[in-house]
Amino acid sequence: MICKEKKTFDEITTELLIVGVQKNCEHIKGWKDFVSFYGEQVEKWIRSGDIETERKKLTRIPYVGSNQHLQRVLFVGLGDTKTLTRNELRETFGLVGKKLREMKADNFTLWLESFTAAPISEKDIAFLFAEGSGMGFYQVPHYKTTCNVPDVYLDEVHFVTKEDFEEIAESCKLGYIYAEAVNEARTLVNLPPNILRATDLADYAVNLAHQYGFEVEILNKAQLEELGMGGILAVNKGSTNEPRMITLKYKGMEQWKNVIGLVGKGVTYDTGGYSIKSKTGMVGMKGDMGGAAAVLGAMKIIGETKPKKNVVAVIGATDNMISGDAFKPDDVITTYSGKTVEIKNADAEGRLVLADAVTYAKQHGADYLIDVATLTGGVITALGYDKTGALTNHEGFFDKFMEASIKTGEFVWGMPLTERDKKRIRESQLADLNNSPGSDGHMIFAGGFVGEFVDNTPWIHLDIAGTSDASKPYELGPKGGTGVMVRTLAAFVEDFAFKMD
C-alpha cells in the first residue's frame, strides 16, 4: 500500500472517498468544509438514517458534485467517539477492508480528521487504517479451476489531512507491514498439508532470512539424530516426510545479549498418532503449525522495522502420522535436554516438539523465551475461541507482554501453574516426566510440560488453539487462519526494555 497525500477535498483524484461519521458530526473539525464540498443533503441523510452513524455500519453513496474524479463516498459509522477504542477502530477499518475488496477499489482517499477520537491521533488512525483494512482485505488462497476473477490489491491510499504528512505516511506504512505479516501467517496456516510440509516451512524461513539478512540454520533428520533431539524425532517416526528444526537470528545490537527467544510449534499435520483423532477432529489439523506461522510473521515485521533488539526464532517442524514405526503410548523417549519422557498420549505431541525447540533456543543464547502453539483443546474449554491462554514463570516478564497484547487488541489471559501441577507432570515410574497427566487442567499440564525445559529463563507459554483459526468470517478477516500473535510478538519485541521488577 503506497501512502500519498491529498490536502483538500478539491484535490482528490481517486474514485472513492472514505469518511467517518459519528453521532454528532458537527463536532468533526472541517465538517463544514466537507458539507460545502459534498452538498447540504448529506446532513439530511444522516438525520434520516440513510447514512448510518452507528459503530461499524457502512453506507456507500454516489458522489454528484463537481469533482470529476470522485464517484463514490463510503461513510463509516463510528457511533459515540468518546467511547471509541483503538481496537474498535481497528475492527471498523477491517470491515472497510472487506468492503474495498467487494468494491474492487484498489486506490482511494481517506479523510483522516473525520475519524479523530481522543486520544487517538491522526497518526494512530493512519496506522490502524492500514493495519485493519489490510487484514480485512485478506482472502484465503484457493485452488478452484472455475474461478477466473482477477485478484485485487490495496494499491494506494491518499489522505485529506492538515497534519504533518511524513509522520502519517510512516505510520500508515508500518500498519500495512503488520497487516501483510499477519496475512502471510494466515496463508501458511491455510495451506493444505500436502503442500506445506516441514521442508516447505523450512524453505519459507530460508527465503525470509535471505530477504531480511537473518542468520539461518536448518537441521535435517540426520542432524537431529546426531544431536539427540528425541522429542521431535519421536513425533516424526510415523512420517515419510523429514522433520526440520528451523532457526533464524536477528541481530539488532552489537553484542549478542538480552536475546529474546520466540519458539513456534510447527506440526504441519496432526492425526493424533496412535492416540488417533476422530474423523471430524482430524479435519483442520493442517493448522497445527499456527505457532510457527505466528513466529515467522513476527520475524517478517522485525525484518521490516529493524528494532534494536536481538531475537532468535526456533521452530520445530514435523507432522504426526501413523505407521508401523510411529511412537506410541508407553514408549519412553529422551529429549534433547537429556530428560526422559514416558508417553501417555501420542496426541500430546506438540509439547515434545517444543521441549527440544526451547532447549535449542536456550543453546542459541535466548535470555527470555516465548513459545507459541496450538497446543490443547483444553484452552478452548477454559477460555473459548477468542482468548489466548498463557502460562509464565515470571510475572514481571508477563506484565510487559500483556502491555503489547493490549496495544494490539489480541486478548491474552494468564492461567495458574502450581507446584501440584508440576508434580503431576513429573509423575512416572519409568521416566523424568510424563507427557499427559490427565484431561483435567489439560492446557496447564501441556504448557507446564514445556516449562520443565526452560529452567530459570523468564518464560511465557501461549496456547493459541482457540484463537489461531476462525470458524466464520469476522471483522478483521475471513474464515480460516487468523495470524494471531504475529502483531503482539512483534510489538513486544519492539517495546521490551529488559527491565523487570
Protein backbone atom coordinates (compact mmCIF):
# COMPACT_ATOMS: atom_id res chain seq x y z
CA MET A 1 0.00 0.00 0.00
CA ILE A 2 1.53 3.30 -1.09
CA CYS A 3 0.55 6.29 1.08
CA LYS A 4 0.00 9.51 -0.87
CA GLU A 5 -1.06 12.94 0.36
CA LYS A 6 -4.01 14.97 -0.82
CA LYS A 7 -4.52 18.11 1.27
CA THR A 8 -8.04 19.21 0.30
CA PHE A 9 -11.28 17.71 -0.95
CA ASP A 10 -10.97 19.53 -4.26
CA GLU A 11 -7.59 17.86 -4.92
CA ILE A 12 -8.99 14.31 -4.67
CA THR A 13 -8.08 12.27 -7.75
CA THR A 14 -9.42 8.87 -6.67
CA GLU A 15 -12.84 7.40 -7.38
CA LEU A 16 -13.64 6.72 -3.70
CA LEU A 17 -13.56 8.89 -0.57
CA ILE A 18 -13.83 7.27 2.89
CA VAL A 19 -15.42 9.44 5.59
CA GLY A 20 -16.05 8.75 9.26
CA VAL A 21 -19.42 9.81 10.62
CA GLN A 22 -20.37 9.95 14.27
CA LYS A 23 -23.30 10.66 16.50
CA ASN A 24 -22.68 14.41 16.30
CA CYS A 25 -20.87 15.17 13.05
CA GLU A 26 -20.79 18.89 13.74
CA HIS A 27 -18.04 18.11 16.28
CA ILE A 28 -15.76 16.93 13.47
CA LYS A 29 -13.17 19.56 12.60
CA GLY A 30 -13.57 20.52 8.98
CA TRP A 31 -17.14 19.19 8.80
CA LYS A 32 -18.44 22.43 7.28
CA ASP A 33 -15.80 22.19 4.56
CA PHE A 34 -16.95 18.66 3.76
CA VAL A 35 -20.61 19.71 3.64
CA SER A 36 -19.71 22.51 1.25
CA PHE A 37 -17.80 20.01 -0.89
CA TYR A 38 -20.40 17.23 -0.89
CA GLY A 39 -23.64 19.18 -0.52
CA GLU A 40 -26.01 20.04 2.32
CA GLN A 41 -28.14 16.95 1.67
CA VAL A 42 -25.53 14.86 3.48
CA GLU A 43 -26.67 16.26 6.83
CA LYS A 44 -30.29 15.47 6.00
CA TRP A 45 -29.36 11.86 5.09
CA ILE A 46 -27.51 11.48 8.38
CA ARG A 47 -30.51 12.76 10.35
CA SER A 48 -32.88 10.43 8.46
CA GLY A 49 -30.64 7.40 8.94
CA ASP A 50 -29.96 6.93 5.22
CA ILE A 51 -26.33 7.39 6.24
CA GLU A 52 -25.84 5.30 9.37
CA THR A 53 -23.66 6.62 12.18
CA GLU A 54 -23.90 3.51 14.37
CA ARG A 55 -20.48 1.99 15.04
CA LYS A 56 -19.21 -0.42 12.34
CA LYS A 57 -22.06 0.43 9.94
CA LEU A 58 -21.01 1.27 6.39
CA THR A 59 -23.01 3.30 3.87
CA ARG A 60 -21.96 3.73 0.24
CA ILE A 61 -23.49 6.67 -1.65
CA PRO A 62 -22.67 8.12 -5.09
CA TYR A 63 -20.95 11.48 -5.30
CA VAL A 64 -22.67 14.00 -7.57
CA GLY A 65 -20.56 17.11 -7.03
CA SER A 66 -18.14 18.98 -9.28
CA ASN A 67 -15.02 16.83 -8.71
CA GLN A 68 -14.89 14.78 -11.89
CA HIS A 69 -12.59 12.10 -10.45
CA LEU A 70 -14.62 11.19 -7.38
CA GLN A 71 -17.53 8.80 -7.95
CA ARG A 72 -18.49 7.33 -4.57
CA VAL A 73 -18.26 8.10 -0.86
CA LEU A 74 -18.07 5.36 1.78
CA PHE A 75 -19.43 6.61 5.10
CA VAL A 76 -18.11 4.70 8.12
CA GLY A 77 -20.19 4.77 11.30
CA LEU A 78 -18.22 5.48 14.48
CA GLY A 79 -21.04 5.93 16.99
CA ASP A 80 -20.09 7.98 20.04
CA THR A 81 -16.38 8.70 19.56
CA LYS A 82 -15.97 9.49 23.26
CA THR A 83 -16.08 5.73 23.91
CA LEU A 84 -14.33 4.59 20.74
CA THR A 85 -11.28 2.41 21.46
CA ARG A 86 -8.27 1.68 19.28
CA ASN A 87 -9.35 -1.92 18.85
CA GLU A 88 -12.90 -0.96 17.86
CA LEU A 89 -11.49 1.44 15.29
CA ARG A 90 -9.12 -1.27 14.00
CA GLU A 91 -12.06 -3.68 13.64
CA THR A 92 -14.12 -0.99 11.92
CA PHE A 93 -11.33 -0.49 9.41
CA GLY A 94 -11.26 -4.27 8.96
CA LEU A 95 -14.84 -4.04 7.71
CA VAL A 96 -13.78 -1.21 5.44
CA GLY A 97 -11.10 -3.50 4.00
CA LYS A 98 -13.73 -6.15 3.28
CA LYS A 99 -15.87 -3.54 1.55
CA LEU A 100 -12.91 -2.33 -0.51
CA ARG A 101 -12.33 -5.87 -1.77
CA GLU A 102 -16.02 -6.22 -2.59
CA MET A 103 -15.92 -2.91 -4.48
CA LYS A 104 -12.61 -3.85 -6.17
CA ALA A 105 -11.29 -0.48 -5.05
CA ASP A 106 -7.50 -0.52 -5.25
CA ASN A 107 -6.87 3.20 -4.60
CA PHE A 108 -8.92 5.64 -2.58
CA THR A 109 -8.81 8.67 -0.29
CA LEU A 110 -9.27 8.70 3.48
CA TRP A 111 -10.37 11.86 5.29
CA LEU A 112 -8.29 11.38 8.43
CA GLU A 113 -9.80 14.17 10.51
CA SER A 114 -13.26 12.60 10.31
CA PHE A 115 -12.01 9.58 12.27
CA THR A 116 -10.32 11.53 15.04
CA ALA A 117 -11.38 10.41 18.50
CA ALA A 118 -9.49 11.46 21.62
CA PRO A 119 -6.93 10.23 22.50
CA ILE A 120 -6.44 8.62 19.05
CA SER A 121 -4.34 10.93 16.87
CA GLU A 122 -4.39 11.15 13.08
CA LYS A 123 -1.03 9.37 13.05
CA ASP A 124 -2.55 6.49 15.05
CA ILE A 125 -5.60 6.47 12.77
CA ALA A 126 -3.37 6.09 9.71
CA PHE A 127 -1.67 3.08 11.36
CA LEU A 128 -4.95 1.49 12.43
CA PHE A 129 -6.47 2.05 9.00
CA ALA A 130 -3.60 0.38 7.16
CA GLU A 131 -3.42 -2.46 9.68
CA GLY A 132 -7.17 -3.07 9.96
CA SER A 133 -8.11 -2.63 6.30
CA GLY A 134 -5.10 -4.69 5.23
CA MET A 135 -6.21 -7.61 7.40
CA GLY A 136 -9.87 -7.21 6.44
CA PHE A 137 -8.95 -7.19 2.75
CA TYR A 138 -7.31 -10.64 3.00
CA GLN A 139 -8.77 -13.58 1.11
CA VAL A 140 -7.90 -17.25 1.61
CA PRO A 141 -5.93 -18.61 -1.38
CA HIS A 142 -7.75 -21.43 -3.16
CA TYR A 143 -7.26 -23.99 -5.90
CA LYS A 144 -10.58 -23.74 -7.76
CA THR A 145 -10.22 -24.18 -11.50
CA THR A 146 -13.54 -22.50 -12.33
CA CYS A 147 -12.65 -19.10 -10.86
CA ASN A 148 -11.47 -16.53 -13.39
CA VAL A 149 -11.97 -13.40 -11.28
CA PRO A 150 -8.72 -11.39 -11.22
CA ASP A 151 -7.31 -10.68 -7.78
CA VAL A 152 -7.27 -7.12 -6.45
CA TYR A 153 -4.76 -5.42 -4.19
CA LEU A 154 -4.69 -2.39 -1.94
CA ASP A 155 -2.54 -0.21 -4.15
CA GLU A 156 -2.69 3.40 -2.98
CA VAL A 157 -4.28 5.38 -0.18
CA HIS A 158 -4.47 9.18 -0.32
CA PHE A 159 -5.20 11.37 2.69
CA VAL A 160 -7.16 14.52 3.29
CA THR A 161 -5.23 15.95 6.23
CA LYS A 162 -3.71 19.13 7.60
CA GLU A 163 -1.19 17.27 9.79
CA ASP A 164 2.48 16.55 9.01
CA PHE A 165 2.24 14.06 6.18
CA GLU A 166 5.65 12.45 6.64
CA GLU A 167 4.69 11.06 10.06
CA ILE A 168 1.29 9.95 8.79
CA ALA A 169 2.83 8.17 5.79
CA GLU A 170 5.35 6.34 8.02
CA SER A 171 2.60 5.30 10.40
CA CYS A 172 0.46 4.07 7.52
CA LYS A 173 3.39 2.12 6.09
CA LEU A 174 4.04 0.47 9.47
CA GLY A 175 0.40 -0.51 9.87
CA TYR A 176 0.44 -2.19 6.48
CA ILE A 177 3.66 -4.03 7.35
CA TYR A 178 1.83 -5.50 10.34
CA ALA A 179 -1.16 -6.45 8.18
CA GLU A 180 0.94 -8.09 5.48
CA ALA A 181 2.84 -10.16 8.05
CA VAL A 182 -0.42 -11.36 9.58
CA ASN A 183 -1.75 -12.24 6.14
CA GLU A 184 1.34 -14.26 5.24
CA ALA A 185 0.99 -16.17 8.52
CA ARG A 186 -2.67 -16.80 7.69
CA THR A 187 -1.74 -18.18 4.30
CA LEU A 188 0.74 -20.58 5.89
CA VAL A 189 -1.97 -21.85 8.22
CA ASN A 190 -4.47 -22.16 5.37
CA LEU A 191 -2.20 -24.14 3.05
CA PRO A 192 -3.15 -27.83 2.58
CA PRO A 193 -0.81 -30.25 4.42
CA ASN A 194 0.29 -31.96 1.20
CA ILE A 195 1.53 -28.57 0.00
CA LEU A 196 3.04 -27.30 3.27
CA ARG A 197 5.31 -29.94 4.82
CA ALA A 198 8.13 -29.41 7.30
CA THR A 199 10.58 -28.99 4.44
CA ASP A 200 8.35 -26.36 2.81
CA LEU A 201 8.09 -24.46 6.09
CA ALA A 202 11.89 -24.51 6.27
CA ASP A 203 12.12 -23.21 2.69
CA TYR A 204 9.81 -20.33 3.62
CA ALA A 205 12.07 -19.48 6.58
CA VAL A 206 15.16 -19.57 4.37
CA ASN A 207 13.53 -17.16 1.90
CA LEU A 208 12.59 -14.87 4.80
CA ALA A 209 16.18 -14.97 6.03
CA HIS A 210 17.53 -14.07 2.59
CA GLN A 211 15.01 -11.24 2.28
CA TYR A 212 15.93 -9.61 5.59
CA GLY A 213 19.50 -10.72 6.21
CA PHE A 214 18.79 -13.07 9.11
CA GLU A 215 21.21 -15.80 10.05
CA VAL A 216 19.52 -19.11 9.27
CA GLU A 217 20.14 -22.72 10.23
CA ILE A 218 18.03 -25.68 9.12
CA LEU A 219 18.69 -29.03 10.82
CA ASN A 220 17.61 -32.12 8.86
CA LYS A 221 16.72 -35.54 10.28
CA ALA A 222 20.26 -36.88 10.28
CA GLN A 223 21.48 -33.80 12.14
CA LEU A 224 18.62 -34.06 14.65
CA GLU A 225 19.56 -37.69 15.26
CA GLU A 226 23.20 -36.75 15.75
CA LEU A 227 22.21 -34.12 18.32
CA GLY A 228 19.79 -36.46 20.08
CA MET A 229 16.62 -34.41 19.65
CA GLY A 230 14.39 -37.26 20.77
CA GLY A 231 11.24 -35.16 21.19
CA ILE A 232 10.77 -34.03 17.61
CA LEU A 233 12.19 -37.30 16.28
CA ALA A 234 9.64 -39.34 18.23
CA VAL A 235 6.77 -37.33 16.77
CA ASN A 236 8.25 -37.72 13.28
CA LYS A 237 8.75 -41.50 13.47
CA GLY A 238 5.45 -42.33 11.75
CA SER A 239 6.05 -39.95 8.83
CA THR A 240 7.60 -40.38 5.41
CA ASN A 241 8.39 -36.65 5.41
CA GLU A 242 11.54 -35.47 7.15
CA PRO A 243 11.39 -33.09 10.15
CA ARG A 244 13.24 -29.80 10.35
CA MET A 245 14.50 -27.66 13.22
CA ILE A 246 14.46 -24.09 11.92
CA THR A 247 16.48 -21.28 13.50
CA LEU A 248 16.50 -17.61 12.47
CA LYS A 249 18.68 -15.00 14.17
CA TYR A 250 18.13 -11.26 14.00
CA LYS A 251 20.97 -9.20 15.47
CA GLY A 252 19.85 -5.66 16.20
CA MET A 253 22.57 -4.95 18.78
CA GLU A 254 26.36 -5.03 18.62
CA GLN A 255 26.61 -7.78 21.24
CA TRP A 256 24.59 -11.00 21.32
CA LYS A 257 22.95 -10.36 24.71
CA ASN A 258 19.44 -9.76 26.06
CA VAL A 259 18.25 -12.22 23.42
CA ILE A 260 14.50 -12.74 23.06
CA GLY A 261 13.66 -16.29 22.03
CA LEU A 262 10.48 -16.92 20.01
CA VAL A 263 9.65 -20.61 19.72
CA GLY A 264 6.89 -22.00 17.50
CA LYS A 265 5.19 -25.36 17.21
CA GLY A 266 5.29 -26.37 13.55
CA VAL A 267 3.27 -29.59 13.37
CA THR A 268 2.15 -29.40 9.76
CA TYR A 269 -0.48 -32.10 10.23
CA ASP A 270 -1.62 -33.93 13.35
CA THR A 271 -3.51 -37.21 13.06
CA GLY A 272 -3.08 -37.80 16.78
CA GLY A 273 -0.73 -40.67 16.01
CA TYR A 274 -1.74 -43.92 17.68
CA SER A 275 -3.94 -41.86 20.01
CA ILE A 276 -5.82 -41.16 16.79
CA LYS A 277 -8.24 -38.29 16.45
CA SER A 278 -11.81 -38.81 15.27
CA LYS A 279 -12.61 -38.28 11.59
CA THR A 280 -14.13 -34.89 12.38
CA GLY A 281 -11.45 -33.99 14.93
CA MET A 282 -8.76 -34.52 12.33
CA VAL A 283 -10.22 -32.01 9.86
CA GLY A 284 -8.42 -28.71 10.19
CA MET A 285 -5.26 -30.17 11.69
CA LYS A 286 -3.29 -28.57 8.86
CA GLY A 287 -3.41 -25.53 11.16
CA ASP A 288 -1.42 -27.22 13.92
CA MET A 289 1.57 -25.15 12.83
CA GLY A 290 -0.14 -21.89 13.79
CA GLY A 291 2.55 -21.18 16.39
CA ALA A 292 5.26 -21.49 13.76
CA ALA A 293 3.30 -19.16 11.47
CA ALA A 294 2.99 -16.61 14.29
CA VAL A 295 6.73 -16.64 14.91
CA LEU A 296 7.56 -16.34 11.19
CA GLY A 297 5.06 -13.49 10.81
CA ALA A 298 6.62 -11.67 13.76
CA MET A 299 10.07 -12.17 12.23
CA LYS A 300 8.83 -10.60 8.99
CA ILE A 301 7.78 -7.46 10.91
CA ILE A 302 11.10 -7.47 12.78
CA GLY A 303 12.94 -7.72 9.46
CA GLU A 304 11.00 -4.73 8.12
CA THR A 305 11.18 -2.50 11.20
CA LYS A 306 14.71 -3.45 12.36
CA PRO A 307 14.33 -2.83 16.11
CA LYS A 308 17.47 -2.50 18.24
CA LYS A 309 16.90 -5.93 19.82
CA ASN A 310 18.34 -9.40 19.46
CA VAL A 311 15.91 -12.16 18.53
CA VAL A 312 16.32 -15.88 17.93
CA ALA A 313 13.37 -17.76 16.43
CA VAL A 314 13.28 -21.54 16.68
CA ILE A 315 10.62 -23.73 15.06
CA GLY A 316 10.27 -27.49 15.36
CA ALA A 317 8.57 -28.69 12.18
CA THR A 318 7.18 -32.16 11.52
CA ASP A 319 3.88 -33.96 11.03
CA ASN A 320 2.42 -36.56 13.40
CA MET A 321 1.42 -39.61 11.37
CA ILE A 322 0.73 -43.31 11.90
CA SER A 323 2.88 -46.20 10.65
CA GLY A 324 4.41 -49.41 11.93
CA ASP A 325 7.27 -47.35 13.31
CA ALA A 326 5.25 -44.50 14.85
CA PHE A 327 5.76 -43.66 18.50
CA LYS A 328 3.01 -44.89 20.82
CA PRO A 329 1.69 -44.72 24.36
CA ASP A 330 4.00 -46.49 26.86
CA ASP A 331 7.14 -45.54 24.91
CA VAL A 332 9.93 -43.76 26.78
CA ILE A 333 11.92 -41.16 24.86
CA THR A 334 14.95 -38.99 25.63
CA THR A 335 14.65 -35.31 24.73
CA TYR A 336 17.45 -33.02 23.59
CA SER A 337 17.82 -31.74 27.16
CA GLY A 338 18.56 -35.26 28.37
CA LYS A 339 15.29 -35.51 30.29
CA THR A 340 13.28 -38.67 29.67
CA VAL A 341 9.54 -38.74 28.99
CA GLU A 342 7.00 -41.52 29.34
CA ILE A 343 4.47 -41.24 26.54
CA LYS A 344 0.92 -41.42 27.83
CA ASN A 345 -0.74 -39.86 24.79
CA ALA A 346 0.60 -39.78 21.21
CA ASP A 347 -1.77 -36.87 20.54
CA ALA A 348 0.13 -34.81 23.11
CA GLU A 349 2.91 -34.39 20.58
CA GLY A 350 3.34 -30.64 20.30
CA ARG A 351 4.86 -30.32 23.75
CA LEU A 352 7.51 -32.89 22.79
CA VAL A 353 8.49 -30.82 19.77
CA LEU A 354 8.54 -27.65 21.88
CA ALA A 355 10.69 -29.32 24.54
CA ASP A 356 13.52 -29.75 22.05
CA ALA A 357 12.90 -26.35 20.46
CA VAL A 358 13.06 -24.32 23.69
CA THR A 359 16.18 -26.22 24.74
CA TYR A 360 17.75 -25.38 21.40
CA ALA A 361 16.70 -21.71 21.67
CA LYS A 362 18.45 -21.52 25.04
CA GLN A 363 21.55 -23.08 23.49
CA HIS A 364 21.47 -20.27 20.91
CA GLY A 365 21.59 -17.73 23.74
CA ALA A 366 17.93 -16.93 24.46
CA ASP A 367 17.72 -14.97 27.72
CA TYR A 368 13.92 -14.74 27.50
CA LEU A 369 11.53 -17.27 25.99
CA ILE A 370 8.05 -17.08 24.50
CA ASP A 371 6.65 -20.24 22.97
CA VAL A 372 3.53 -20.21 20.80
CA ALA A 373 1.49 -23.30 20.00
CA THR A 374 -1.89 -24.65 19.01
CA LEU A 375 -1.43 -27.00 21.91
CA THR A 376 -4.69 -28.10 23.53
CA GLY A 377 -8.44 -28.27 23.21
CA GLY A 378 -8.36 -27.59 26.95
CA VAL A 379 -7.69 -23.90 26.39
CA ILE A 380 -10.88 -23.69 24.33
CA THR A 381 -12.87 -25.40 27.09
CA ALA A 382 -11.43 -22.98 29.63
CA LEU A 383 -11.44 -19.70 27.68
CA GLY A 384 -13.41 -20.11 24.46
CA TYR A 385 -12.29 -19.36 20.93
CA ASP A 386 -11.49 -15.67 21.39
CA LYS A 387 -8.86 -15.78 24.14
CA THR A 388 -5.28 -16.98 24.08
CA GLY A 389 -4.27 -18.82 27.25
CA ALA A 390 -0.91 -18.15 28.86
CA LEU A 391 1.42 -19.55 31.50
CA THR A 392 4.56 -17.94 32.90
CA ASN A 393 7.32 -18.39 35.43
CA HIS A 394 7.97 -14.64 35.69
CA GLU A 395 5.16 -12.19 36.40
CA GLY A 396 7.24 -9.11 35.53
CA PHE A 397 8.03 -10.53 32.11
CA PHE A 398 4.39 -11.45 31.59
CA ASP A 399 3.24 -7.95 32.59
CA LYS A 400 5.45 -6.48 29.85
CA PHE A 401 3.97 -8.91 27.34
CA MET A 402 0.43 -8.00 28.39
CA GLU A 403 1.12 -4.35 27.57
CA ALA A 404 1.84 -5.43 23.99
CA SER A 405 -1.30 -7.61 23.80
CA ILE A 406 -3.47 -4.71 24.99
CA LYS A 407 -1.86 -2.47 22.37
CA THR A 408 -2.66 -4.90 19.54
CA GLY A 409 -6.10 -5.91 20.81
CA GLU A 410 -5.19 -9.63 20.97
CA PHE A 411 -6.75 -10.92 24.19
CA VAL A 412 -4.44 -12.98 26.42
CA TRP A 413 -5.39 -14.49 29.77
CA GLY A 414 -2.92 -15.87 32.30
CA MET A 415 -3.58 -19.29 33.85
CA PRO A 416 -2.05 -20.67 37.08
CA LEU A 417 0.79 -23.19 37.13
CA THR A 418 1.12 -24.55 40.65
CA GLU A 419 3.64 -26.85 42.31
CA ARG A 420 0.93 -29.51 42.42
CA ASP A 421 0.57 -29.25 38.63
CA LYS A 422 4.33 -29.61 38.19
CA LYS A 423 4.35 -32.65 40.49
CA ARG A 424 1.77 -34.38 38.29
CA ILE A 425 3.83 -33.67 35.16
CA ARG A 426 6.79 -35.34 36.91
CA GLU A 427 4.86 -38.45 37.97
CA SER A 428 6.22 -41.55 36.22
CA GLN A 429 7.68 -44.85 37.37
CA LEU A 430 9.83 -45.04 34.25
CA ALA A 431 10.93 -41.51 33.29
CA ASP A 432 11.56 -37.97 34.49
CA LEU A 433 8.26 -36.70 33.08
CA ASN A 434 5.02 -37.91 31.56
CA ASN A 435 3.50 -36.08 28.60
CA SER A 436 -0.15 -36.27 29.64
CA PRO A 437 -1.06 -36.24 33.34
CA GLY A 438 -4.81 -36.09 32.68
CA SER A 439 -7.66 -34.37 30.87
CA ASP A 440 -8.39 -32.08 33.81
CA GLY A 441 -6.32 -28.92 33.57
CA HIS A 442 -5.14 -30.07 30.17
CA MET A 443 -3.95 -26.65 28.99
CA ILE A 444 -1.97 -26.13 32.20
CA PHE A 445 -0.32 -29.56 32.06
CA ALA A 446 0.63 -29.11 28.40
CA GLY A 447 2.19 -25.70 28.88
CA GLY A 448 3.67 -26.76 32.20
CA PHE A 449 5.40 -29.65 30.44
CA VAL A 450 7.19 -27.14 28.18
CA GLY A 451 8.07 -25.16 31.29
CA GLU A 452 10.07 -28.14 32.56
CA PHE A 453 12.67 -27.38 29.89
CA VAL A 454 13.16 -23.63 30.41
CA ASP A 455 14.77 -23.83 33.90
CA ASN A 456 15.07 -20.28 35.31
CA THR A 457 14.81 -18.46 32.00
CA PRO A 458 11.93 -15.93 32.07
CA TRP A 459 9.29 -17.69 30.01
CA ILE A 460 5.78 -17.26 28.62
CA HIS A 461 3.74 -20.02 27.02
CA LEU A 462 0.91 -19.06 24.66
CA ASP A 463 -1.75 -21.62 23.75
CA ILE A 464 -3.47 -20.37 20.59
CA ALA A 465 -5.53 -23.49 19.84
CA GLY A 466 -8.74 -21.46 20.08
CA THR A 467 -7.59 -18.20 18.55
CA SER A 468 -5.47 -19.37 15.60
CA ASP A 469 -8.44 -20.32 13.42
CA ALA A 470 -11.79 -18.59 12.84
CA SER A 471 -14.83 -20.78 12.21
CA LYS A 472 -16.61 -17.93 10.42
CA PRO A 473 -15.73 -14.51 8.96
CA TYR A 474 -15.12 -11.70 11.45
CA GLU A 475 -14.22 -8.01 11.30
CA LEU A 476 -10.53 -8.47 10.62
CA GLY A 477 -10.60 -11.48 8.36
CA PRO A 478 -12.35 -14.41 6.69
CA LYS A 479 -12.95 -17.92 7.97
CA GLY A 480 -9.66 -19.76 8.44
CA GLY A 481 -6.25 -18.88 9.86
CA THR A 482 -6.18 -15.66 11.87
CA GLY A 483 -2.44 -14.99 12.18
CA VAL A 484 -2.97 -14.46 15.90
CA MET A 485 0.00 -13.32 17.98
CA VAL A 486 2.02 -12.09 14.98
CA ARG A 487 1.36 -8.46 15.89
CA THR A 488 1.68 -8.94 19.65
CA LEU A 489 5.02 -10.74 19.41
CA ALA A 490 6.39 -8.04 17.11
CA ALA A 491 5.05 -5.20 19.26
CA PHE A 492 6.51 -6.85 22.35
CA VAL A 493 9.96 -7.15 20.77
CA GLU A 494 9.80 -3.52 19.68
CA ASP A 495 8.81 -2.19 23.12
CA PHE A 496 10.58 -4.56 25.53
CA ALA A 497 13.12 -2.65 27.66
CA PHE A 498 14.79 -5.59 29.52
CA LYS A 499 13.96 -4.02 32.88
CA MET A 500 11.66 -6.04 35.06
CA ASP A 501 10.68 -5.97 38.71
